[in-house]
C-alpha cells in the first residue's frame, strides 16, 4: 500500500516537473521572440546583464568564502548556522553577500520595470533571473566541455567556435535596450 502511494506521488512529481519544463520553455521562447522583435527590453545594456548575473555570481563567491572560512575552523561538526554565522568573518561575509545580492535583485527588477512598465517589467524581471541561471550553467557546461580529456583539439576548437557564435548571438538578442529605444524613436517620428 505504501509503495503504491509512493509510486503515485513520484508520478505526480514527474508530471509537475514536466509541466513546469513546458511552461518554462514556452515562456523562454516567447520572451526570446519578444526580445528578438524588439517588443520588450530584456537587458538594457551589458551593465544590466552583469547586475542580473550578480544574482548568481555574488552568492557563489560568498558561499565559497564561507566554506573556506569553515574549513579553517577547528570544530569537528559544523552546522549551517555555524558556517554562516560562526565567526565574525563568516557573519560579515554572509551579510555583505546578502546585501549585494539584494541590490542586484533590486537593480534587475528596477531596470526591467523602468524599461517595460510595471506588469511586463515584472514578467521580464523574472525572465531575467531565470536567464541568468541559464547563462551561468551554460558557461559552466562550456568550461566542462572544453576541459574534457578524451576530446581531440579539433573537436574542442569546433565546439568553442560554434558555442561562442551562438552564445554571442543570444546575448545580442537579449541585450536589446538600444534597439528598442531606436525603434520607439522611429515610431514616434
N, C-alpha and C. Protein backbone atom coordinates (compact mmCIF):
# COMPACT_ATOMS: atom_id res chain seq x y z
N UNK A 1 0.83 -1.20 0.00
CA UNK A 1 0.00 0.00 0.00
C UNK A 1 0.87 1.26 0.00
N UNK A 2 1.88 1.28 0.85
CA UNK A 2 2.76 2.44 0.92
C UNK A 2 3.50 2.61 -0.40
N UNK A 3 3.91 1.49 -1.01
CA UNK A 3 4.63 1.56 -2.28
C UNK A 3 3.76 2.16 -3.37
N UNK A 4 2.48 1.80 -3.39
CA UNK A 4 1.56 2.33 -4.40
C UNK A 4 1.40 3.84 -4.21
N UNK A 5 1.22 4.28 -2.98
CA UNK A 5 1.09 5.70 -2.71
C UNK A 5 2.36 6.45 -3.08
N UNK A 6 3.52 5.87 -2.77
CA UNK A 6 4.79 6.50 -3.11
C UNK A 6 4.96 6.57 -4.62
N UNK A 7 4.55 5.51 -5.31
CA UNK A 7 4.62 5.50 -6.77
C UNK A 7 3.74 6.58 -7.38
N UNK A 8 2.52 6.71 -6.86
CA UNK A 8 1.62 7.76 -7.35
C UNK A 8 2.19 9.14 -7.07
N UNK A 9 2.79 9.30 -5.90
CA UNK A 9 3.38 10.58 -5.54
C UNK A 9 4.54 10.92 -6.48
N UNK A 10 5.40 9.94 -6.77
CA UNK A 10 6.54 10.18 -7.67
C UNK A 10 6.06 10.51 -9.08
N UNK A 11 4.99 9.84 -9.52
CA UNK A 11 4.43 10.13 -10.83
C UNK A 11 3.88 11.56 -10.86
N UNK A 12 3.22 11.96 -9.77
CA UNK A 12 2.69 13.32 -9.65
C UNK A 12 3.84 14.33 -9.73
N UNK A 13 4.95 14.07 -9.05
CA UNK A 13 6.11 14.96 -9.07
C UNK A 13 6.68 15.04 -10.48
N UNK A 14 6.84 13.90 -11.15
CA UNK A 14 7.37 13.89 -12.52
C UNK A 14 6.48 14.68 -13.46
N UNK A 15 5.16 14.52 -13.33
CA UNK A 15 4.24 15.26 -14.19
C UNK A 15 4.34 16.76 -13.95
N UNK A 16 4.48 17.16 -12.69
CA UNK A 16 4.62 18.58 -12.39
C UNK A 16 5.94 19.13 -12.92
N UNK A 17 7.00 18.35 -12.83
CA UNK A 17 8.29 18.80 -13.37
C UNK A 17 8.19 18.95 -14.88
N UNK A 18 7.54 18.00 -15.54
CA UNK A 18 7.36 18.09 -16.99
C UNK A 18 6.52 19.31 -17.35
N UNK A 19 5.45 19.55 -16.60
CA UNK A 19 4.60 20.71 -16.85
C UNK A 19 5.39 22.01 -16.66
N UNK A 20 6.17 22.09 -15.59
CA UNK A 20 6.99 23.28 -15.36
C UNK A 20 8.02 23.47 -16.47
N UNK A 21 8.60 22.38 -16.95
CA UNK A 21 9.57 22.48 -18.04
C UNK A 21 8.91 23.00 -19.31
N UNK A 22 7.70 22.54 -19.59
CA UNK A 22 6.98 23.02 -20.78
C UNK A 22 6.62 24.49 -20.63
N UNK A 23 6.11 24.87 -19.47
CA UNK A 23 5.74 26.27 -19.22
C UNK A 23 6.98 27.15 -19.28
N UNK A 24 8.06 26.72 -18.63
CA UNK A 24 9.30 27.50 -18.65
C UNK A 24 9.85 27.62 -20.07
N UNK A 25 9.87 26.50 -20.80
CA UNK A 25 10.37 26.52 -22.18
C UNK A 25 9.54 27.43 -23.07
N UNK A 26 8.22 27.34 -22.94
CA UNK A 26 7.34 28.20 -23.72
C UNK A 26 7.50 29.67 -23.36
N UNK A 27 7.63 29.95 -22.07
CA UNK A 27 7.83 31.33 -21.63
C UNK A 27 9.16 31.87 -22.13
N UNK A 28 10.20 31.04 -22.05
CA UNK A 28 11.51 31.45 -22.51
C UNK A 28 11.47 31.76 -24.00
N UNK A 29 10.84 30.88 -24.77
CA UNK A 29 10.74 31.09 -26.22
C UNK A 29 9.93 32.35 -26.53
N UNK A 30 8.84 32.56 -25.83
CA UNK A 30 8.02 33.76 -26.04
C UNK A 30 8.81 35.02 -25.72
N UNK A 31 9.50 35.02 -24.60
CA UNK A 31 10.29 36.19 -24.22
C UNK A 31 11.44 36.41 -25.20
N UNK A 32 12.06 35.33 -25.65
CA UNK A 32 13.15 35.45 -26.61
C UNK A 32 12.64 36.05 -27.92
N UNK A 33 11.49 35.61 -28.38
CA UNK A 33 10.91 36.16 -29.62
C UNK A 33 10.55 37.63 -29.41
N UNK A 34 9.98 37.97 -28.26
CA UNK A 34 9.66 39.37 -27.97
C UNK A 34 10.91 40.23 -27.95
N UNK A 35 12.01 39.68 -27.44
CA UNK A 35 13.28 40.42 -27.44
C UNK A 35 13.84 40.52 -28.84
N UNK A 36 13.75 39.43 -29.62
CA UNK A 36 14.29 39.44 -30.98
C UNK A 36 13.53 40.41 -31.89
N UNK A 37 12.24 40.59 -31.64
CA UNK A 37 11.45 41.52 -32.43
C UNK A 37 11.41 42.91 -31.80
N UNK A 38 12.17 43.08 -30.73
CA UNK A 38 12.30 44.37 -30.03
C UNK A 38 10.96 44.91 -29.51
N UNK A 39 10.14 43.99 -29.02
CA UNK A 39 8.87 44.38 -28.39
C UNK A 39 9.08 44.74 -26.92
N UNK A 40 10.03 44.07 -26.27
CA UNK A 40 10.35 44.35 -24.87
C UNK A 40 11.86 44.49 -24.73
N UNK A 41 12.26 45.24 -23.72
CA UNK A 41 13.68 45.34 -23.39
C UNK A 41 13.97 44.28 -22.32
N UNK A 42 14.84 43.34 -22.65
CA UNK A 42 15.21 42.33 -21.67
C UNK A 42 16.36 42.87 -20.83
N UNK A 43 17.52 43.07 -21.45
CA UNK A 43 18.65 43.69 -20.76
C UNK A 43 18.90 45.03 -21.43
N UNK A 44 18.85 46.09 -20.64
CA UNK A 44 19.04 47.44 -21.18
C UNK A 44 20.41 47.60 -21.83
N UNK A 45 21.43 47.08 -21.15
CA UNK A 45 22.80 47.12 -21.65
C UNK A 45 23.59 46.02 -20.96
N UNK A 46 24.87 45.94 -21.23
CA UNK A 46 25.67 44.88 -20.61
C UNK A 46 25.85 45.09 -19.11
N UNK A 47 25.77 46.32 -18.64
CA UNK A 47 25.79 46.57 -17.19
C UNK A 47 24.57 45.95 -16.52
N UNK A 48 23.42 46.06 -17.17
CA UNK A 48 22.20 45.44 -16.67
C UNK A 48 22.36 43.91 -16.66
N UNK A 49 22.96 43.36 -17.69
CA UNK A 49 23.22 41.92 -17.74
C UNK A 49 24.11 41.49 -16.57
N UNK A 50 25.17 42.26 -16.32
CA UNK A 50 26.10 41.90 -15.23
C UNK A 50 25.44 42.03 -13.87
N UNK A 51 24.58 43.04 -13.69
CA UNK A 51 23.90 43.14 -12.39
C UNK A 51 22.94 41.98 -12.19
N UNK A 52 22.34 41.49 -13.26
CA UNK A 52 21.48 40.32 -13.15
C UNK A 52 22.30 39.06 -12.90
N UNK A 53 23.43 38.92 -13.58
CA UNK A 53 24.30 37.77 -13.33
C UNK A 53 24.85 37.80 -11.91
N UNK A 54 24.92 38.99 -11.32
CA UNK A 54 25.37 39.12 -9.94
C UNK A 54 24.48 38.38 -8.96
N UNK A 55 23.21 38.11 -9.36
CA UNK A 55 22.32 37.33 -8.50
C UNK A 55 22.84 35.91 -8.30
N UNK A 56 23.63 35.43 -9.23
CA UNK A 56 24.20 34.09 -9.12
C UNK A 56 25.67 34.17 -8.69
N UNK A 57 26.39 35.11 -9.26
CA UNK A 57 27.84 35.20 -9.03
C UNK A 57 28.16 35.56 -7.58
N UNK A 58 27.52 36.58 -7.02
CA UNK A 58 27.84 37.01 -5.66
C UNK A 58 27.54 35.96 -4.61
N UNK A 59 26.37 35.31 -4.66
CA UNK A 59 26.16 34.23 -3.68
C UNK A 59 27.18 33.09 -3.83
N UNK A 60 27.56 32.78 -5.06
CA UNK A 60 28.56 31.71 -5.26
C UNK A 60 29.89 32.11 -4.64
N UNK A 61 30.29 33.36 -4.84
CA UNK A 61 31.54 33.84 -4.22
C UNK A 61 31.42 33.83 -2.71
N UNK A 62 30.29 34.32 -2.19
CA UNK A 62 30.09 34.35 -0.75
C UNK A 62 30.11 32.96 -0.14
N UNK A 63 29.45 32.01 -0.78
CA UNK A 63 29.45 30.64 -0.27
C UNK A 63 30.85 30.05 -0.33
N UNK A 64 31.58 30.35 -1.40
CA UNK A 64 32.96 29.88 -1.49
C UNK A 64 33.82 30.41 -0.35
N UNK A 65 33.69 31.68 -0.04
CA UNK A 65 34.45 32.28 1.06
C UNK A 65 34.03 31.67 2.39
N UNK A 66 32.73 31.52 2.58
CA UNK A 66 32.23 30.97 3.84
C UNK A 66 32.69 29.52 4.03
N UNK A 67 32.66 28.73 2.97
CA UNK A 67 33.13 27.34 3.07
C UNK A 67 34.62 27.32 3.39
N UNK A 68 35.36 28.21 2.75
CA UNK A 68 36.79 28.30 3.06
C UNK A 68 37.02 28.67 4.52
N UNK A 69 36.24 29.64 5.01
CA UNK A 69 36.36 30.02 6.42
C UNK A 69 35.96 28.87 7.34
N UNK A 70 34.94 28.10 6.93
CA UNK A 70 34.51 26.96 7.73
C UNK A 70 35.55 25.86 7.79
N UNK A 71 36.30 25.70 6.69
CA UNK A 71 37.37 24.70 6.68
C UNK A 71 38.51 25.11 7.60
N UNK A 72 38.66 26.40 7.82
CA UNK A 72 39.72 26.88 8.71
C UNK A 72 39.35 26.75 10.18
N UNK A 73 38.06 26.45 10.43
CA UNK A 73 37.60 26.32 11.81
C UNK A 73 38.12 25.03 12.41
N UNK A 74 38.30 25.04 13.72
CA UNK A 74 38.80 23.85 14.42
C UNK A 74 37.68 22.93 14.86
N UNK A 75 36.43 23.32 14.67
CA UNK A 75 35.31 22.49 15.10
C UNK A 75 35.20 21.24 14.24
N UNK A 76 34.82 20.14 14.86
CA UNK A 76 34.68 18.88 14.15
C UNK A 76 33.37 18.83 13.35
N UNK A 77 32.29 19.24 13.97
CA UNK A 77 30.98 19.24 13.32
C UNK A 77 30.53 20.68 13.17
N UNK A 78 30.23 21.05 11.94
CA UNK A 78 29.83 22.44 11.66
C UNK A 78 28.39 22.42 11.15
N UNK A 79 27.51 23.14 11.82
CA UNK A 79 26.13 23.28 11.36
C UNK A 79 26.07 24.43 10.37
N UNK A 80 24.94 24.54 9.66
CA UNK A 80 24.78 25.66 8.73
C UNK A 80 24.83 26.99 9.45
N UNK A 81 24.23 27.05 10.64
CA UNK A 81 24.27 28.28 11.42
C UNK A 81 25.72 28.65 11.76
N UNK A 82 26.52 27.66 12.16
CA UNK A 82 27.93 27.90 12.45
C UNK A 82 28.68 28.33 11.20
N UNK A 83 28.32 27.71 10.08
CA UNK A 83 29.01 28.01 8.83
C UNK A 83 28.79 29.46 8.42
N UNK A 84 27.54 29.92 8.48
CA UNK A 84 27.22 31.27 8.03
C UNK A 84 27.45 32.35 9.09
N UNK A 85 27.31 32.00 10.36
CA UNK A 85 27.39 33.00 11.42
C UNK A 85 28.33 32.58 12.55
N UNK A 86 29.17 31.57 12.35
CA UNK A 86 30.00 31.03 13.41
C UNK A 86 31.15 31.92 13.84
N UNK A 87 31.58 32.80 12.98
CA UNK A 87 32.66 33.73 13.32
C UNK A 87 32.29 35.11 12.80
N UNK A 88 33.02 36.09 13.23
CA UNK A 88 32.72 37.45 12.76
C UNK A 88 33.00 37.58 11.26
N UNK A 89 34.02 36.87 10.77
CA UNK A 89 34.32 36.91 9.33
C UNK A 89 33.20 36.25 8.53
N UNK A 90 32.68 35.13 9.01
CA UNK A 90 31.59 34.45 8.32
C UNK A 90 30.32 35.31 8.35
N UNK A 91 30.05 35.94 9.48
CA UNK A 91 28.87 36.81 9.60
C UNK A 91 29.00 38.00 8.66
N UNK A 92 30.17 38.62 8.61
CA UNK A 92 30.38 39.76 7.72
C UNK A 92 30.24 39.33 6.25
N UNK A 93 30.78 38.16 5.91
CA UNK A 93 30.67 37.67 4.53
C UNK A 93 29.21 37.38 4.18
N UNK A 94 28.50 36.75 5.09
CA UNK A 94 27.08 36.45 4.86
C UNK A 94 26.28 37.74 4.68
N UNK A 95 26.51 38.72 5.54
CA UNK A 95 25.78 39.99 5.45
C UNK A 95 26.12 40.73 4.17
N UNK A 96 27.41 40.81 3.84
CA UNK A 96 27.82 41.52 2.62
C UNK A 96 27.26 40.84 1.38
N UNK A 97 27.35 39.52 1.34
CA UNK A 97 26.83 38.77 0.20
C UNK A 97 25.33 38.97 0.08
N UNK A 98 24.63 38.91 1.19
CA UNK A 98 23.18 39.11 1.17
C UNK A 98 22.79 40.50 0.68
N UNK A 99 23.49 41.53 1.16
CA UNK A 99 23.19 42.90 0.74
C UNK A 99 23.50 43.12 -0.74
N UNK A 100 24.63 42.62 -1.20
CA UNK A 100 24.98 42.79 -2.61
C UNK A 100 23.98 42.05 -3.50
N UNK A 101 23.58 40.86 -3.08
CA UNK A 101 22.61 40.09 -3.86
C UNK A 101 21.26 40.80 -3.89
N UNK A 102 20.82 41.33 -2.76
CA UNK A 102 19.56 42.10 -2.74
C UNK A 102 19.64 43.33 -3.63
N UNK A 103 20.80 44.01 -3.63
CA UNK A 103 20.98 45.16 -4.50
C UNK A 103 20.89 44.73 -5.97
N UNK A 104 21.52 43.61 -6.32
CA UNK A 104 21.44 43.11 -7.70
C UNK A 104 20.00 42.77 -8.07
N UNK A 105 19.25 42.18 -7.14
CA UNK A 105 17.85 41.86 -7.39
C UNK A 105 17.04 43.13 -7.61
N UNK A 106 17.27 44.13 -6.77
CA UNK A 106 16.60 45.42 -6.91
C UNK A 106 16.90 46.04 -8.28
N UNK A 107 18.20 46.08 -8.65
CA UNK A 107 18.59 46.66 -9.95
C UNK A 107 17.97 45.89 -11.12
N UNK A 108 17.93 44.57 -11.00
CA UNK A 108 17.37 43.74 -12.06
C UNK A 108 15.91 44.10 -12.31
N UNK A 109 15.13 44.14 -11.24
CA UNK A 109 13.70 44.42 -11.41
C UNK A 109 13.44 45.89 -11.73
N UNK A 110 14.21 46.81 -11.16
CA UNK A 110 14.00 48.23 -11.47
C UNK A 110 14.32 48.53 -12.94
N UNK A 111 15.40 47.95 -13.46
CA UNK A 111 15.72 48.14 -14.87
C UNK A 111 14.63 47.56 -15.77
N UNK A 112 14.10 46.40 -15.40
CA UNK A 112 13.04 45.78 -16.20
C UNK A 112 11.77 46.61 -16.15
N UNK A 113 11.40 47.09 -14.97
CA UNK A 113 10.18 47.88 -14.83
C UNK A 113 10.33 49.24 -15.49
N UNK A 114 11.48 49.87 -15.34
CA UNK A 114 11.72 51.18 -15.96
C UNK A 114 11.64 51.08 -17.48
N UNK A 115 12.15 50.02 -18.04
CA UNK A 115 12.18 49.87 -19.50
C UNK A 115 10.86 49.39 -20.09
N UNK A 116 10.05 48.64 -19.31
CA UNK A 116 8.88 47.98 -19.90
C UNK A 116 7.55 48.28 -19.22
N UNK A 117 7.54 49.04 -18.15
CA UNK A 117 6.31 49.25 -17.40
C UNK A 117 6.20 48.20 -16.31
N UNK A 118 5.23 48.38 -15.41
CA UNK A 118 5.15 47.55 -14.22
C UNK A 118 4.83 46.09 -14.52
N UNK A 119 3.76 45.82 -15.24
CA UNK A 119 3.31 44.43 -15.44
C UNK A 119 4.31 43.66 -16.29
N UNK A 120 4.63 44.19 -17.45
CA UNK A 120 5.59 43.50 -18.33
C UNK A 120 6.97 43.50 -17.68
N UNK A 121 7.31 44.55 -16.96
CA UNK A 121 8.60 44.62 -16.29
C UNK A 121 8.77 43.53 -15.24
N UNK A 122 7.71 43.21 -14.51
CA UNK A 122 7.79 42.12 -13.53
C UNK A 122 8.00 40.78 -14.22
N UNK A 123 7.30 40.57 -15.33
CA UNK A 123 7.47 39.33 -16.10
C UNK A 123 8.88 39.25 -16.66
N UNK A 124 9.36 40.35 -17.23
CA UNK A 124 10.72 40.38 -17.78
C UNK A 124 11.74 40.19 -16.67
N UNK A 125 11.49 40.78 -15.50
CA UNK A 125 12.41 40.62 -14.37
C UNK A 125 12.57 39.17 -13.96
N UNK A 126 11.45 38.46 -13.89
CA UNK A 126 11.52 37.03 -13.57
C UNK A 126 12.28 36.28 -14.66
N UNK A 127 12.00 36.62 -15.91
CA UNK A 127 12.71 36.00 -17.02
C UNK A 127 14.22 36.28 -16.93
N UNK A 128 14.58 37.49 -16.56
CA UNK A 128 16.00 37.84 -16.45
C UNK A 128 16.69 37.00 -15.39
N UNK A 129 16.02 36.80 -14.27
CA UNK A 129 16.62 35.98 -13.20
C UNK A 129 16.82 34.55 -13.71
N UNK A 130 15.81 33.99 -14.35
CA UNK A 130 15.93 32.63 -14.88
C UNK A 130 16.97 32.56 -16.00
N UNK A 131 17.04 33.60 -16.82
CA UNK A 131 18.05 33.63 -17.88
C UNK A 131 19.45 33.67 -17.32
N UNK A 132 19.63 34.40 -16.22
CA UNK A 132 20.97 34.46 -15.64
C UNK A 132 21.41 33.09 -15.16
N UNK A 133 20.48 32.31 -14.63
CA UNK A 133 20.81 30.95 -14.21
C UNK A 133 21.21 30.12 -15.42
N UNK A 134 20.47 30.24 -16.51
CA UNK A 134 20.79 29.50 -17.73
C UNK A 134 22.15 29.92 -18.27
N UNK A 135 22.43 31.22 -18.26
CA UNK A 135 23.71 31.72 -18.78
C UNK A 135 24.87 31.17 -17.95
N UNK A 136 24.74 31.20 -16.64
CA UNK A 136 25.82 30.69 -15.77
C UNK A 136 26.02 29.20 -16.01
N UNK A 137 24.93 28.42 -16.05
CA UNK A 137 25.08 26.98 -16.29
C UNK A 137 25.65 26.70 -17.68
N UNK A 138 25.31 27.53 -18.66
CA UNK A 138 25.88 27.36 -20.00
C UNK A 138 27.39 27.58 -19.97
N UNK A 139 27.83 28.58 -19.23
CA UNK A 139 29.26 28.85 -19.13
C UNK A 139 29.97 27.69 -18.43
N UNK A 140 29.36 27.17 -17.34
CA UNK A 140 29.97 26.02 -16.66
C UNK A 140 30.01 24.80 -17.57
N UNK A 141 28.94 24.58 -18.34
CA UNK A 141 28.93 23.48 -19.29
C UNK A 141 29.99 23.64 -20.36
N UNK A 142 30.16 24.88 -20.81
CA UNK A 142 31.18 25.18 -21.81
C UNK A 142 32.58 24.87 -21.25
N UNK A 143 32.83 25.32 -20.05
CA UNK A 143 34.14 25.07 -19.42
C UNK A 143 34.36 23.56 -19.24
N UNK A 144 33.32 22.87 -18.78
CA UNK A 144 33.42 21.43 -18.59
C UNK A 144 33.71 20.73 -19.92
N UNK A 145 33.03 21.15 -20.96
CA UNK A 145 33.19 20.52 -22.28
C UNK A 145 34.61 20.72 -22.82
N UNK A 146 35.17 21.91 -22.68
CA UNK A 146 36.49 22.14 -23.26
C UNK A 146 37.62 21.58 -22.40
N UNK A 147 37.31 21.23 -21.15
CA UNK A 147 38.36 20.66 -20.30
C UNK A 147 38.30 19.13 -20.24
N UNK A 148 37.38 18.53 -21.00
CA UNK A 148 37.33 17.06 -21.04
C UNK A 148 38.61 16.53 -21.65
N UNK A 149 39.12 15.47 -21.10
CA UNK A 149 40.40 14.92 -21.54
C UNK A 149 40.29 14.04 -22.78
N UNK A 150 39.13 13.45 -23.03
CA UNK A 150 39.02 12.50 -24.13
C UNK A 150 38.61 13.12 -25.46
N UNK A 151 38.66 14.42 -25.59
CA UNK A 151 38.28 15.09 -26.83
C UNK A 151 39.53 15.57 -27.55
N UNK A 152 39.48 15.52 -28.88
CA UNK A 152 40.62 15.99 -29.67
C UNK A 152 40.63 17.51 -29.73
N UNK A 153 41.77 18.07 -30.09
CA UNK A 153 41.90 19.53 -30.17
C UNK A 153 40.97 20.10 -31.24
N UNK A 154 40.87 19.42 -32.37
CA UNK A 154 39.98 19.88 -33.45
C UNK A 154 38.53 19.91 -33.01
N UNK A 155 38.10 18.87 -32.28
CA UNK A 155 36.74 18.81 -31.77
C UNK A 155 36.49 19.95 -30.79
N UNK A 156 37.45 20.23 -29.93
CA UNK A 156 37.32 21.32 -28.96
C UNK A 156 37.24 22.67 -29.67
N UNK A 157 38.06 22.88 -30.69
CA UNK A 157 38.05 24.16 -31.41
C UNK A 157 36.72 24.37 -32.14
N UNK A 158 36.20 23.32 -32.73
CA UNK A 158 34.90 23.43 -33.41
C UNK A 158 33.82 23.77 -32.39
N UNK A 159 33.83 23.08 -31.26
CA UNK A 159 32.84 23.35 -30.22
C UNK A 159 32.95 24.78 -29.71
N UNK A 160 34.17 25.22 -29.43
CA UNK A 160 34.38 26.59 -28.94
C UNK A 160 33.85 27.61 -29.94
N UNK A 161 34.13 27.40 -31.21
CA UNK A 161 33.69 28.33 -32.25
C UNK A 161 32.17 28.39 -32.33
N UNK A 162 31.54 27.22 -32.40
CA UNK A 162 30.08 27.19 -32.51
C UNK A 162 29.42 27.75 -31.27
N UNK A 163 29.89 27.35 -30.09
CA UNK A 163 29.32 27.83 -28.84
C UNK A 163 29.45 29.34 -28.74
N UNK A 164 30.61 29.87 -29.07
CA UNK A 164 30.85 31.31 -28.97
C UNK A 164 29.93 32.09 -29.90
N UNK A 165 29.78 31.61 -31.12
CA UNK A 165 28.91 32.29 -32.09
C UNK A 165 27.45 32.28 -31.62
N UNK A 166 26.97 31.12 -31.20
CA UNK A 166 25.57 31.01 -30.75
C UNK A 166 25.35 31.81 -29.47
N UNK A 167 26.28 31.71 -28.52
CA UNK A 167 26.17 32.43 -27.26
C UNK A 167 26.17 33.94 -27.49
N UNK A 168 27.04 34.42 -28.36
CA UNK A 168 27.11 35.86 -28.68
C UNK A 168 25.82 36.32 -29.35
N UNK A 169 25.29 35.51 -30.26
CA UNK A 169 24.03 35.87 -30.93
C UNK A 169 22.89 35.97 -29.92
N UNK A 170 22.80 35.00 -29.00
CA UNK A 170 21.75 35.02 -27.98
C UNK A 170 21.89 36.26 -27.10
N UNK A 171 23.11 36.57 -26.69
CA UNK A 171 23.32 37.78 -25.86
C UNK A 171 22.98 39.04 -26.64
N UNK A 172 23.31 39.09 -27.93
CA UNK A 172 22.95 40.26 -28.74
C UNK A 172 21.45 40.43 -28.84
N UNK A 173 20.71 39.32 -28.89
CA UNK A 173 19.25 39.40 -28.93
C UNK A 173 18.71 39.88 -27.59
N UNK A 174 19.24 39.35 -26.50
CA UNK A 174 18.72 39.68 -25.18
C UNK A 174 19.14 41.05 -24.67
N UNK A 175 20.33 41.52 -25.04
CA UNK A 175 20.78 42.86 -24.66
C UNK A 175 20.30 43.80 -25.77
N UNK A 176 19.07 44.24 -25.65
CA UNK A 176 18.43 44.95 -26.75
C UNK A 176 17.86 46.31 -26.37
N UNK A 177 18.31 46.89 -25.28
CA UNK A 177 17.78 48.19 -24.86
C UNK A 177 17.95 49.27 -25.91
N UNK A 178 19.11 49.31 -26.55
CA UNK A 178 19.36 50.33 -27.58
C UNK A 178 18.49 50.11 -28.81
N UNK A 179 18.19 48.86 -29.15
CA UNK A 179 17.35 48.56 -30.32
C UNK A 179 15.90 48.95 -30.06
N UNK A 180 15.40 48.65 -28.86
CA UNK A 180 14.01 49.00 -28.52
C UNK A 180 13.86 50.52 -28.47
N UNK A 181 14.86 51.19 -27.92
CA UNK A 181 14.81 52.66 -27.85
C UNK A 181 14.83 53.27 -29.24
N UNK A 182 15.67 52.75 -30.13
CA UNK A 182 15.73 53.25 -31.51
C UNK A 182 14.41 53.00 -32.24
N UNK A 183 13.81 51.84 -32.02
CA UNK A 183 12.54 51.51 -32.66
C UNK A 183 11.44 52.43 -32.14
N UNK A 184 11.46 52.72 -30.84
CA UNK A 184 10.48 53.60 -30.23
C UNK A 184 10.60 55.03 -30.80
N UNK A 185 11.83 55.50 -30.94
CA UNK A 185 12.05 56.84 -31.52
C UNK A 185 11.61 56.89 -32.98
N UNK A 186 11.87 55.83 -33.72
CA UNK A 186 11.48 55.80 -35.13
C UNK A 186 9.96 55.78 -35.27
N UNK A 187 9.25 55.11 -34.37
CA UNK A 187 7.79 55.06 -34.41
C UNK A 187 7.16 56.40 -34.03
N UNK A 188 7.86 57.21 -33.21
CA UNK A 188 7.32 58.49 -32.81
C UNK A 188 7.41 59.54 -33.91
N UNK A 189 8.34 59.34 -34.82
CA UNK A 189 8.55 60.35 -35.87
C UNK A 189 7.66 60.15 -37.04
